[in-house]
C-alpha cells in the first residue's frame, strides 16, 4: 500500500500488519451491506494494483478542500429544503470520511471502524442523562454540560494549549469563528452586558473605518473593516442570531432580487449592460414590493 503524507497525530495507535485490508465486499452488488460496499469501493480505488490514478495520488491535505466543500453543499441543500439533494450531498460527505479513513488505514493510524467507534463512545459519554444514570437536563443545561465535558476531554489528552480559546478550528468561516471566540470569552465575563453597548462599539468602528479610508492606507482600511465585521458578529451573538445564517439569507435575497431585475429586463429585450443604475434601482424596488405581496 502507498503511504500518503499525513498530518494525523503520531501518537495514533498503528494497526497490526495483518489488518492491512478490509474484507472485500462485491462492489457491484446493490444488495450488499451499503457501508461495507462503500468501504470496499474506496479500498479498490486506492489500490496500487488496478485502482484509480487520481484517487491513488491524493493525501489528507489535497482532499481537505473537498471535505469542506461537501459540508457546505450539505448546508446548501438544507437551506433549499431539497431532501433529494440532501440525501445525495450527505453521501458525498460520507465519502470524504471514508476517503480520509482509508488513507489513515494505509498509513497504519486507524480504520473507519475506529472512527465510528470513537464517535459512538463520545456520544454515549456526553449524554449520561440518556445512556446512563445522569439527571434529566433541559437544552441549556445540556449545552453547558457538553462544553464542560469537552474541556475535560481536552485536559485528559494533555493538550499543550490550555487557553479558553483553544481548539476553535482556524478553517471555520471567519464569521462563525468570531462568534465562537467571543462566546468562549463570554463564559468568564469578558463580554458586553447587553446589545446596547455593542451598538456603541459599532458606531466607533464605523468612524474608524471612515478615518482609515481618508488616510488612504489600504492595509489600515482592511484592518478596520475586519474590526467592524468582528463587532457585527458580536452583535449577532448578543441578539441570538447566527451571523453566518443571516449572511447566507441576505445573499439569497440579493440573488433573488437581482435575478428578478434580469428577468424583467430580458422581457423588454434588454440586459443590465443596456440600462443605467436608475433603471436597475427602480426594478430593484419593484422586486422588493413584489416580495412583500407574496
C-alpha atoms as a PDB file:
ATOM      1  CA  UNK A   1       0.000   0.000   0.000  1.00  0.00           C
ATOM      2  CA  UNK A   2       1.163   3.537  -0.700  1.00  0.00           C
ATOM      3  CA  UNK A   3       1.730   5.818   2.281  1.00  0.00           C
ATOM      4  CA  UNK A   4       0.480   9.362   1.657  1.00  0.00           C
ATOM      5  CA  UNK A   5       1.751  12.383   3.522  1.00  0.00           C
ATOM      6  CA  UNK A   6      -0.290  12.800   6.666  1.00  0.00           C
ATOM      7  CA  UNK A   7      -0.995  15.196   9.463  1.00  0.00           C
ATOM      8  CA  UNK A   8      -2.574  12.529  11.686  1.00  0.00           C
ATOM      9  CA  UNK A   9      -1.086  12.626  15.222  1.00  0.00           C
ATOM     10  CA  UNK A  10       1.932  10.333  15.518  1.00  0.00           C
ATOM     11  CA  UNK A  11       0.536   9.029  18.798  1.00  0.00           C
ATOM     12  CA  UNK A  12      -2.345   7.302  16.978  1.00  0.00           C
ATOM     13  CA  UNK A  13      -2.080   3.560  17.540  1.00  0.00           C
ATOM     14  CA  UNK A  14      -0.868   1.749  14.379  1.00  0.00           C
ATOM     15  CA  UNK A  15      -2.827  -1.243  13.100  1.00  0.00           C
ATOM     16  CA  UNK A  16      -1.294  -4.714  13.138  1.00  0.00           C
ATOM     17  CA  UNK A  17       0.339  -5.708   9.855  1.00  0.00           C
ATOM     18  CA  UNK A  18      -2.200  -8.468   9.223  1.00  0.00           C
ATOM     19  CA  UNK A  19      -5.063  -5.927   9.223  1.00  0.00           C
ATOM     20  CA  UNK A  20      -3.950  -4.068   6.110  1.00  0.00           C
ATOM     21  CA  UNK A  21      -7.185  -4.636   4.194  1.00  0.00           C
ATOM     22  CA  UNK A  22     -10.903  -4.741   4.814  1.00  0.00           C
ATOM     23  CA  UNK A  23     -12.657  -7.939   3.812  1.00  0.00           C
ATOM     24  CA  UNK A  24     -13.710  -7.013   0.292  1.00  0.00           C
ATOM     25  CA  UNK A  25     -17.439  -6.739  -0.373  1.00  0.00           C
ATOM     26  CA  UNK A  26     -18.571  -7.101  -4.014  1.00  0.00           C
ATOM     27  CA  UNK A  27     -18.684  -3.505  -5.228  1.00  0.00           C
ATOM     28  CA  UNK A  28     -21.191  -4.235  -7.996  1.00  0.00           C
ATOM     29  CA  UNK A  29     -23.733  -5.889  -5.687  1.00  0.00           C
ATOM     30  CA  UNK A  30     -26.514  -3.390  -4.799  1.00  0.00           C
ATOM     31  CA  UNK A  31     -27.842  -5.883  -2.240  1.00  0.00           C
ATOM     32  CA  UNK A  32     -24.596  -5.844  -0.253  1.00  0.00           C
ATOM     33  CA  UNK A  33     -24.357  -4.028   3.070  1.00  0.00           C
ATOM     34  CA  UNK A  34     -24.130  -0.357   1.937  1.00  0.00           C
ATOM     35  CA  UNK A  35     -21.388   0.666   4.374  1.00  0.00           C
ATOM     36  CA  UNK A  36     -19.247  -2.404   3.710  1.00  0.00           C
ATOM     37  CA  UNK A  37     -19.703  -1.872  -0.024  1.00  0.00           C
ATOM     38  CA  UNK A  38     -18.610   1.768   0.212  1.00  0.00           C
ATOM     39  CA  UNK A  39     -15.510   0.836   2.227  1.00  0.00           C
ATOM     40  CA  UNK A  40     -14.597  -1.773  -0.371  1.00  0.00           C
ATOM     41  CA  UNK A  41     -15.099   0.710  -3.208  1.00  0.00           C
ATOM     42  CA  UNK A  42     -12.718   3.188  -1.581  1.00  0.00           C
ATOM     43  CA  UNK A  43     -10.153   0.497  -0.891  1.00  0.00           C
ATOM     44  CA  UNK A  44     -10.323  -0.582  -4.528  1.00  0.00           C
ATOM     45  CA  UNK A  45      -9.957   2.992  -5.756  1.00  0.00           C
ATOM     46  CA  UNK A  46      -6.834   3.447  -3.625  1.00  0.00           C
ATOM     47  CA  UNK A  47      -5.346   0.027  -4.516  1.00  0.00           C
ATOM     48  CA  UNK A  48      -1.983   0.500  -6.314  1.00  0.00           C
ATOM     49  CA  UNK A  49      -2.817  -2.607  -8.316  1.00  0.00           C
ATOM     50  CA  UNK A  50      -5.655  -1.547 -10.636  1.00  0.00           C
ATOM     51  CA  UNK A  51      -7.051   1.387  -8.667  1.00  0.00           C
ATOM     52  CA  UNK A  52      -7.825   4.897  -9.888  1.00  0.00           C
ATOM     53  CA  UNK A  53      -4.694   7.008 -10.575  1.00  0.00           C
ATOM     54  CA  UNK A  54      -6.352  10.187  -9.269  1.00  0.00           C
ATOM     55  CA  UNK A  55      -7.536   8.596  -6.035  1.00  0.00           C
ATOM     56  CA  UNK A  56      -4.165   6.931  -5.513  1.00  0.00           C
ATOM     57  CA  UNK A  57      -2.207  10.176  -5.604  1.00  0.00           C
ATOM     58  CA  UNK A  58      -4.389  12.063  -3.096  1.00  0.00           C
ATOM     59  CA  UNK A  59      -3.388  12.771   0.507  1.00  0.00           C
ATOM     60  CA  UNK A  60      -5.043  14.364   3.530  1.00  0.00           C
ATOM     61  CA  UNK A  61      -4.169  17.907   2.531  1.00  0.00           C
ATOM     62  CA  UNK A  62      -5.270  17.540  -1.092  1.00  0.00           C
ATOM     63  CA  UNK A  63      -8.623  16.054  -0.057  1.00  0.00           C
ATOM     64  CA  UNK A  64      -9.351  18.508   2.780  1.00  0.00           C
ATOM     65  CA  UNK A  65     -10.762  21.263   0.479  1.00  0.00           C
ATOM     66  CA  UNK A  66     -13.228  18.759  -0.995  1.00  0.00           C
ATOM     67  CA  UNK A  67     -14.307  17.764   2.515  1.00  0.00           C
ATOM     68  CA  UNK A  68     -15.055  21.389   3.359  1.00  0.00           C
ATOM     69  CA  UNK A  69     -16.873  21.913   0.056  1.00  0.00           C
ATOM     70  CA  UNK A  70     -19.088  18.870   0.617  1.00  0.00           C
ATOM     71  CA  UNK A  71     -20.020  20.100   4.099  1.00  0.00           C
ATOM     72  CA  UNK A  72     -21.122  23.411   2.583  1.00  0.00           C
ATOM     73  CA  UNK A  73     -23.147  21.606  -0.066  1.00  0.00           C
ATOM     74  CA  UNK A  74     -24.983  19.720   2.692  1.00  0.00           C
ATOM     75  CA  UNK A  75     -25.835  23.070   4.294  1.00  0.00           C
ATOM     76  CA  UNK A  76     -26.961  24.420   0.925  1.00  0.00           C
ATOM     77  CA  UNK A  77     -29.365  21.506   0.384  1.00  0.00           C
ATOM     78  CA  UNK A  78     -30.805  22.084   3.865  1.00  0.00           C
ATOM     79  CA  UNK A  79     -31.245  25.817   3.186  1.00  0.00           C
ATOM     80  CA  UNK A  80     -33.130  24.982  -0.042  1.00  0.00           C
ATOM     81  CA  UNK A  81     -35.220  22.311   1.650  1.00  0.00           C
ATOM     82  CA  UNK A  82     -34.282  19.838  -1.099  1.00  0.00           C
ATOM     83  CA  UNK A  83     -34.369  16.387   0.513  1.00  0.00           C
ATOM     84  CA  UNK A  84     -33.242  14.558  -2.652  1.00  0.00           C
ATOM     85  CA  UNK A  85     -30.176  16.786  -2.836  1.00  0.00           C
ATOM     86  CA  UNK A  86     -29.615  16.428   0.913  1.00  0.00           C
ATOM     87  CA  UNK A  87     -29.528  12.633   0.614  1.00  0.00           C
ATOM     88  CA  UNK A  88     -27.008  12.887  -2.221  1.00  0.00           C
ATOM     89  CA  UNK A  89     -24.847  15.509  -0.504  1.00  0.00           C
ATOM     90  CA  UNK A  90     -24.769  13.535   2.753  1.00  0.00           C
ATOM     91  CA  UNK A  91     -23.472  10.619   0.686  1.00  0.00           C
ATOM     92  CA  UNK A  92     -20.748  12.841  -0.761  1.00  0.00           C
ATOM     93  CA  UNK A  93     -19.794  13.966   2.743  1.00  0.00           C
ATOM     94  CA  UNK A  94     -19.745  10.366   3.982  1.00  0.00           C
ATOM     95  CA  UNK A  95     -17.395   9.518   1.120  1.00  0.00           C
ATOM     96  CA  UNK A  96     -14.991  12.125   2.461  1.00  0.00           C
ATOM     97  CA  UNK A  97     -14.960  10.421   5.870  1.00  0.00           C
ATOM     98  CA  UNK A  98     -14.328   7.064   4.185  1.00  0.00           C
ATOM     99  CA  UNK A  99     -11.572   8.570   1.992  1.00  0.00           C
ATOM    100  CA  UNK A 100      -9.678  10.048   4.961  1.00  0.00           C
ATOM    101  CA  UNK A 101     -10.166   6.846   6.960  1.00  0.00           C
ATOM    102  CA  UNK A 102      -8.783   4.702   4.136  1.00  0.00           C
ATOM    103  CA  UNK A 103      -5.677   6.891   3.823  1.00  0.00           C
ATOM    104  CA  UNK A 104      -5.168   6.737   7.595  1.00  0.00           C
ATOM    105  CA  UNK A 105      -5.593   2.948   7.487  1.00  0.00           C
ATOM    106  CA  UNK A 106      -2.962   2.633   4.768  1.00  0.00           C
ATOM    107  CA  UNK A 107      -0.552   4.702   6.885  1.00  0.00           C
ATOM    108  CA  UNK A 108      -1.183   2.492   9.931  1.00  0.00           C
ATOM    109  CA  UNK A 109      -3.018   5.059  12.039  1.00  0.00           C
ATOM    110  CA  UNK A 110      -6.658   3.977  12.286  1.00  0.00           C
ATOM    111  CA  UNK A 111      -9.552   2.464  10.329  1.00  0.00           C
ATOM    112  CA  UNK A 112     -13.082   3.646   9.580  1.00  0.00           C
ATOM    113  CA  UNK A 113     -14.321   1.308  12.305  1.00  0.00           C
ATOM    114  CA  UNK A 114     -12.170   3.195  14.813  1.00  0.00           C
ATOM    115  CA  UNK A 115     -13.721   6.480  13.691  1.00  0.00           C
ATOM    116  CA  UNK A 116     -17.244   5.088  14.118  1.00  0.00           C
ATOM    117  CA  UNK A 117     -16.407   3.512  17.477  1.00  0.00           C
ATOM    118  CA  UNK A 118     -14.797   6.726  18.716  1.00  0.00           C
ATOM    119  CA  UNK A 119     -17.767   8.949  17.936  1.00  0.00           C
ATOM    120  CA  UNK A 120     -20.166   6.352  19.399  1.00  0.00           C
ATOM    121  CA  UNK A 121     -18.211   6.273  22.659  1.00  0.00           C
ATOM    122  CA  UNK A 122     -18.092  10.070  22.753  1.00  0.00           C
ATOM    123  CA  UNK A 123     -21.846  10.475  22.224  1.00  0.00           C
ATOM    124  CA  UNK A 124     -22.640   7.985  24.982  1.00  0.00           C
ATOM    125  CA  UNK A 125     -20.125   9.665  27.314  1.00  0.00           C
ATOM    126  CA  UNK A 126     -21.550  13.131  26.677  1.00  0.00           C
ATOM    127  CA  UNK A 127     -25.182  12.070  27.196  1.00  0.00           C
ATOM    128  CA  UNK A 128     -25.292  10.370  30.615  1.00  0.00           C
ATOM    129  CA  UNK A 129     -28.864  11.644  31.041  1.00  0.00           C
ATOM    130  CA  UNK A 130     -29.872   9.463  28.065  1.00  0.00           C
ATOM    131  CA  UNK A 131     -27.496   6.473  28.169  1.00  0.00           C
ATOM    132  CA  UNK A 132     -26.523   6.402  31.849  1.00  0.00           C
ATOM    133  CA  UNK A 133     -27.761   7.406  35.265  1.00  0.00           C
ATOM    134  CA  UNK A 134     -27.290  11.152  34.872  1.00  0.00           C
ATOM    135  CA  UNK A 135     -30.048  13.537  35.886  1.00  0.00           C
ATOM    136  CA  UNK A 136     -32.516  14.830  33.318  1.00  0.00           C
ATOM    137  CA  UNK A 137     -31.397  18.032  31.538  1.00  0.00           C
ATOM    138  CA  UNK A 138     -33.028  20.769  29.563  1.00  0.00           C
ATOM    139  CA  UNK A 139     -31.370  22.083  26.377  1.00  0.00           C
ATOM    140  CA  UNK A 140     -29.493  24.907  28.145  1.00  0.00           C
ATOM    141  CA  UNK A 141     -28.035  22.711  30.895  1.00  0.00           C
ATOM    142  CA  UNK A 142     -27.097  20.071  28.312  1.00  0.00           C
ATOM    143  CA  UNK A 143     -25.151  22.685  26.350  1.00  0.00           C
ATOM    144  CA  UNK A 144     -23.232  23.684  29.487  1.00  0.00           C
ATOM    145  CA  UNK A 145     -22.543  20.058  30.363  1.00  0.00           C
ATOM    146  CA  UNK A 146     -21.421  19.344  26.788  1.00  0.00           C
ATOM    147  CA  UNK A 147     -18.894  22.197  26.878  1.00  0.00           C
ATOM    148  CA  UNK A 148     -17.636  21.083  30.303  1.00  0.00           C
ATOM    149  CA  UNK A 149     -17.188  17.535  29.019  1.00  0.00           C
ATOM    150  CA  UNK A 150     -15.270  18.797  26.000  1.00  0.00           C
ATOM    151  CA  UNK A 151     -12.954  20.806  28.248  1.00  0.00           C
ATOM    152  CA  UNK A 152     -12.375  17.759  30.442  1.00  0.00           C
ATOM    153  CA  UNK A 153     -11.579  15.614  27.404  1.00  0.00           C
ATOM    154  CA  UNK A 154      -9.072  18.188  26.154  1.00  0.00           C
ATOM    155  CA  UNK A 155      -7.395  18.202  29.579  1.00  0.00           C
ATOM    156  CA  UNK A 156      -7.216  14.392  29.605  1.00  0.00           C
ATOM    157  CA  UNK A 157      -5.468  14.461  26.229  1.00  0.00           C
ATOM    158  CA  UNK A 158      -2.820  16.669  27.800  1.00  0.00           C
ATOM    159  CA  UNK A 159      -3.252  19.413  25.254  1.00  0.00           C
ATOM    160  CA  UNK A 160      -0.429  21.959  25.391  1.00  0.00           C
ATOM    161  CA  UNK A 161      -2.776  24.849  24.660  1.00  0.00           C
ATOM    162  CA  UNK A 162      -4.729  25.449  27.862  1.00  0.00           C
ATOM    163  CA  UNK A 163      -6.344  28.681  26.681  1.00  0.00           C
ATOM    164  CA  UNK A 164     -10.093  29.041  26.911  1.00  0.00           C
ATOM    165  CA  UNK A 165      -9.930  29.757  23.180  1.00  0.00           C
ATOM    166  CA  UNK A 166      -8.126  26.513  22.300  1.00  0.00           C
ATOM    167  CA  UNK A 167      -9.421  24.118  19.651  1.00  0.00           C
ATOM    168  CA  UNK A 168     -11.623  26.558  17.741  1.00  0.00           C
ATOM    169  CA  UNK A 169     -10.712  25.446  14.198  1.00  0.00           C
ATOM    170  CA  UNK A 170      -8.930  28.002  12.034  1.00  0.00           C
ATOM    171  CA  UNK A 171     -10.688  26.576   8.968  1.00  0.00           C
ATOM    172  CA  UNK A 172     -14.112  27.724  10.173  1.00  0.00           C
ATOM    173  CA  UNK A 173     -15.753  30.557   8.222  1.00  0.00           C
ATOM    174  CA  UNK A 174     -14.466  33.791   9.747  1.00  0.00           C
ATOM    175  CA  UNK A 175     -17.880  34.976  10.990  1.00  0.00           C
ATOM    176  CA  UNK A 176     -18.554  31.626  12.642  1.00  0.00           C
ATOM    177  CA  UNK A 177     -15.122  31.585  14.288  1.00  0.00           C
ATOM    178  CA  UNK A 178     -15.548  35.156  15.529  1.00  0.00           C
ATOM    179  CA  UNK A 179     -18.837  34.199  17.152  1.00  0.00           C
ATOM    180  CA  UNK A 180     -17.264  31.147  18.797  1.00  0.00           C
ATOM    181  CA  UNK A 181     -14.257  33.107  20.064  1.00  0.00           C
ATOM    182  CA  UNK A 182     -16.401  35.738  21.761  1.00  0.00           C
ATOM    183  CA  UNK A 183     -18.819  33.119  23.086  1.00  0.00           C
ATOM    184  CA  UNK A 184     -15.905  31.362  24.798  1.00  0.00           C
ATOM    185  CA  UNK A 185     -14.598  34.632  26.247  1.00  0.00           C
ATOM    186  CA  UNK A 186     -18.094  35.485  27.499  1.00  0.00           C
ATOM    187  CA  UNK A 187     -18.031  32.400  29.738  1.00  0.00           C
ATOM    188  CA  UNK A 188     -15.596  34.185  32.067  1.00  0.00           C
ATOM    189  CA  UNK A 189     -17.379  37.531  31.912  1.00  0.00           C
ATOM    190  CA  UNK A 190     -15.344  39.100  29.086  1.00  0.00           C
ATOM    191  CA  UNK A 191     -18.422  40.442  27.310  1.00  0.00           C
ATOM    192  CA  UNK A 192     -20.667  43.459  26.939  1.00  0.00           C
ATOM    193  CA  UNK A 193     -23.593  43.441  29.394  1.00  0.00           C
ATOM    194  CA  UNK A 194     -26.138  43.944  26.608  1.00  0.00           C
ATOM    195  CA  UNK A 195     -26.544  44.633  22.890  1.00  0.00           C
ATOM    196  CA  UNK A 196     -26.765  48.399  23.595  1.00  0.00           C
ATOM    197  CA  UNK A 197     -23.049  48.562  24.367  1.00  0.00           C
ATOM    198  CA  UNK A 198     -22.287  46.696  21.149  1.00  0.00           C
ATOM    199  CA  UNK A 199     -24.146  49.371  19.173  1.00  0.00           C
ATOM    200  CA  UNK A 200     -21.866  51.999  20.723  1.00  0.00           C
ATOM    201  CA  UNK A 201     -18.836  49.959  19.671  1.00  0.00           C
ATOM    202  CA  UNK A 202     -20.322  49.562  16.189  1.00  0.00           C
ATOM    203  CA  UNK A 203     -20.593  53.344  15.819  1.00  0.00           C
ATOM    204  CA  UNK A 204     -16.990  53.674  16.997  1.00  0.00           C
ATOM    205  CA  UNK A 205     -15.735  51.124  14.480  1.00  0.00           C
ATOM    206  CA  UNK A 206     -17.667  52.771  11.632  1.00  0.00           C
ATOM    207  CA  UNK A 207     -15.902  56.038  12.483  1.00  0.00           C
ATOM    208  CA  UNK A 208     -12.535  54.279  12.420  1.00  0.00           C
ATOM    209  CA  UNK A 209     -13.313  52.784   9.004  1.00  0.00           C
ATOM    210  CA  UNK A 210     -14.040  56.266   7.674  1.00  0.00           C
ATOM    211  CA  UNK A 211     -10.779  57.564   9.153  1.00  0.00           C
ATOM    212  CA  UNK A 212      -8.849  54.688   7.569  1.00  0.00           C
ATOM    213  CA  UNK A 213     -10.415  55.397   4.179  1.00  0.00           C
ATOM    214  CA  UNK A 214      -9.471  59.061   4.498  1.00  0.00           C
ATOM    215  CA  UNK A 215      -5.864  58.083   5.290  1.00  0.00           C
ATOM    216  CA  UNK A 216      -5.551  56.226   2.009  1.00  0.00           C
ATOM    217  CA  UNK A 217      -3.813  53.323   3.756  1.00  0.00           C
ATOM    218  CA  UNK A 218      -5.380  50.169   2.282  1.00  0.00           C
ATOM    219  CA  UNK A 219      -3.916  47.878   4.961  1.00  0.00           C
ATOM    220  CA  UNK A 220      -5.460  50.114   7.629  1.00  0.00           C
ATOM    221  CA  UNK A 221      -8.806  50.030   5.797  1.00  0.00           C
ATOM    222  CA  UNK A 222      -8.708  46.217   5.748  1.00  0.00           C
ATOM    223  CA  UNK A 223      -7.859  46.111   9.454  1.00  0.00           C
ATOM    224  CA  UNK A 224     -10.702  48.434  10.433  1.00  0.00           C
ATOM    225  CA  UNK A 225     -13.205  46.605   8.225  1.00  0.00           C
ATOM    226  CA  UNK A 226     -12.152  43.400   9.983  1.00  0.00           C
ATOM    227  CA  UNK A 227     -12.820  45.039  13.349  1.00  0.00           C
ATOM    228  CA  UNK A 228     -16.223  46.173  12.113  1.00  0.00           C
ATOM    229  CA  UNK A 229     -17.147  42.663  10.975  1.00  0.00           C
ATOM    230  CA  UNK A 230     -15.961  41.279  14.313  1.00  0.00           C
ATOM    231  CA  UNK A 231     -18.249  43.661  16.197  1.00  0.00           C
ATOM    232  CA  UNK A 232     -21.153  42.723  13.910  1.00  0.00           C
ATOM    233  CA  UNK A 233     -20.519  39.086  14.796  1.00  0.00           C
ATOM    234  CA  UNK A 234     -20.641  40.063  18.470  1.00  0.00           C
ATOM    235  CA  UNK A 235     -23.912  41.902  17.945  1.00  0.00           C
ATOM    236  CA  UNK A 236     -25.359  38.822  16.251  1.00  0.00           C
ATOM    237  CA  UNK A 237     -24.379  36.684  19.225  1.00  0.00           C
ATOM    238  CA  UNK A 238     -25.915  39.131  21.697  1.00  0.00           C
ATOM    239  CA  UNK A 239     -29.144  39.072  19.689  1.00  0.00           C
ATOM    240  CA  UNK A 240     -29.084  35.250  19.430  1.00  0.00           C
ATOM    241  CA  UNK A 241     -28.723  35.351  15.646  1.00  0.00           C
ATOM    242  CA  UNK A 242     -26.383  33.047  13.725  1.00  0.00           C
ATOM    243  CA  UNK A 243     -24.287  35.557  11.719  1.00  0.00           C
ATOM    244  CA  UNK A 244     -23.383  33.010   9.035  1.00  0.00           C
ATOM    245  CA  UNK A 245     -27.032  32.015   8.543  1.00  0.00           C
ATOM    246  CA  UNK A 246     -28.070  35.685   8.494  1.00  0.00           C
ATOM    247  CA  UNK A 247     -25.497  36.483   5.816  1.00  0.00           C
ATOM    248  CA  UNK A 248     -26.493  33.435   3.754  1.00  0.00           C
ATOM    249  CA  UNK A 249     -30.079  34.665   3.910  1.00  0.00           C
ATOM    250  CA  UNK A 250     -29.006  38.144   2.807  1.00  0.00           C
ATOM    251  CA  UNK A 251     -27.010  36.617  -0.054  1.00  0.00           C
ATOM    252  CA  UNK A 252     -30.043  34.631  -1.166  1.00  0.00           C
ATOM    253  CA  UNK A 253     -32.235  37.738  -1.008  1.00  0.00           C
ATOM    254  CA  UNK A 254     -29.772  39.751  -3.101  1.00  0.00           C
ATOM    255  CA  UNK A 255     -29.508  36.965  -5.668  1.00  0.00           C
ATOM    256  CA  UNK A 256     -33.288  36.557  -5.847  1.00  0.00           C
ATOM    257  CA  UNK A 257     -33.884  40.264  -6.417  1.00  0.00           C
ATOM    258  CA  UNK A 258     -31.051  40.690  -8.912  1.00  0.00           C
ATOM    259  CA  UNK A 259     -32.324  37.740 -10.941  1.00  0.00           C
ATOM    260  CA  UNK A 260     -35.766  39.410 -10.887  1.00  0.00           C
ATOM    261  CA  UNK A 261     -34.180  42.540 -12.410  1.00  0.00           C
ATOM    262  CA  UNK A 262     -32.518  40.446 -15.114  1.00  0.00           C
ATOM    263  CA  UNK A 263     -35.787  38.689 -15.942  1.00  0.00           C
ATOM    264  CA  UNK A 264     -37.737  41.954 -16.232  1.00  0.00           C
ATOM    265  CA  UNK A 265     -35.090  43.495 -18.460  1.00  0.00           C
ATOM    266  CA  UNK A 266     -34.979  40.354 -20.590  1.00  0.00           C
ATOM    267  CA  UNK A 267     -38.742  40.665 -21.107  1.00  0.00           C
ATOM    268  CA  UNK A 268     -38.010  44.134 -22.542  1.00  0.00           C
ATOM    269  CA  UNK A 269     -35.293  42.743 -24.795  1.00  0.00           C
ATOM    270  CA  UNK A 270     -32.525  44.275 -22.675  1.00  0.00           C
ATOM    271  CA  UNK A 271     -29.746  43.293 -20.271  1.00  0.00           C
ATOM    272  CA  UNK A 272     -28.190  45.106 -17.306  1.00  0.00           C
ATOM    273  CA  UNK A 273     -25.476  46.413 -19.609  1.00  0.00           C
ATOM    274  CA  UNK A 274     -28.092  48.247 -21.680  1.00  0.00           C
ATOM    275  CA  UNK A 275     -29.538  50.341 -18.836  1.00  0.00           C
ATOM    276  CA  UNK A 276     -28.238  52.744 -16.211  1.00  0.00           C
ATOM    277  CA  UNK A 277     -28.251  52.384 -12.442  1.00  0.00           C
ATOM    278  CA  UNK A 278     -31.513  54.330 -12.027  1.00  0.00           C
ATOM    279  CA  UNK A 279     -33.389  51.813 -14.174  1.00  0.00           C
ATOM    280  CA  UNK A 280     -31.928  48.861 -12.285  1.00  0.00           C
ATOM    281  CA  UNK A 281     -32.728  50.553  -8.969  1.00  0.00           C
ATOM    282  CA  UNK A 282     -36.348  51.039  -9.997  1.00  0.00           C
ATOM    283  CA  UNK A 283     -36.598  47.339 -10.853  1.00  0.00           C
ATOM    284  CA  UNK A 284     -34.951  46.502  -7.510  1.00  0.00           C
ATOM    285  CA  UNK A 285     -37.622  48.461  -5.646  1.00  0.00           C
ATOM    286  CA  UNK A 286     -40.271  46.702  -7.719  1.00  0.00           C
ATOM    287  CA  UNK A 287     -38.771  43.353  -6.730  1.00  0.00           C
ATOM    288  CA  UNK A 288     -38.978  44.315  -3.042  1.00  0.00           C
ATOM    289  CA  UNK A 289     -42.627  45.320  -3.421  1.00  0.00           C
ATOM    290  CA  UNK A 290     -43.375  42.055  -5.240  1.00  0.00           C
ATOM    291  CA  UNK A 291     -41.825  40.045  -2.401  1.00  0.00           C
ATOM    292  CA  UNK A 292     -43.899  41.868   0.201  1.00  0.00           C
ATOM    293  CA  UNK A 293     -47.081  40.910  -1.655  1.00  0.00           C
ATOM    294  CA  UNK A 294     -46.242  37.206  -1.584  1.00  0.00           C
END
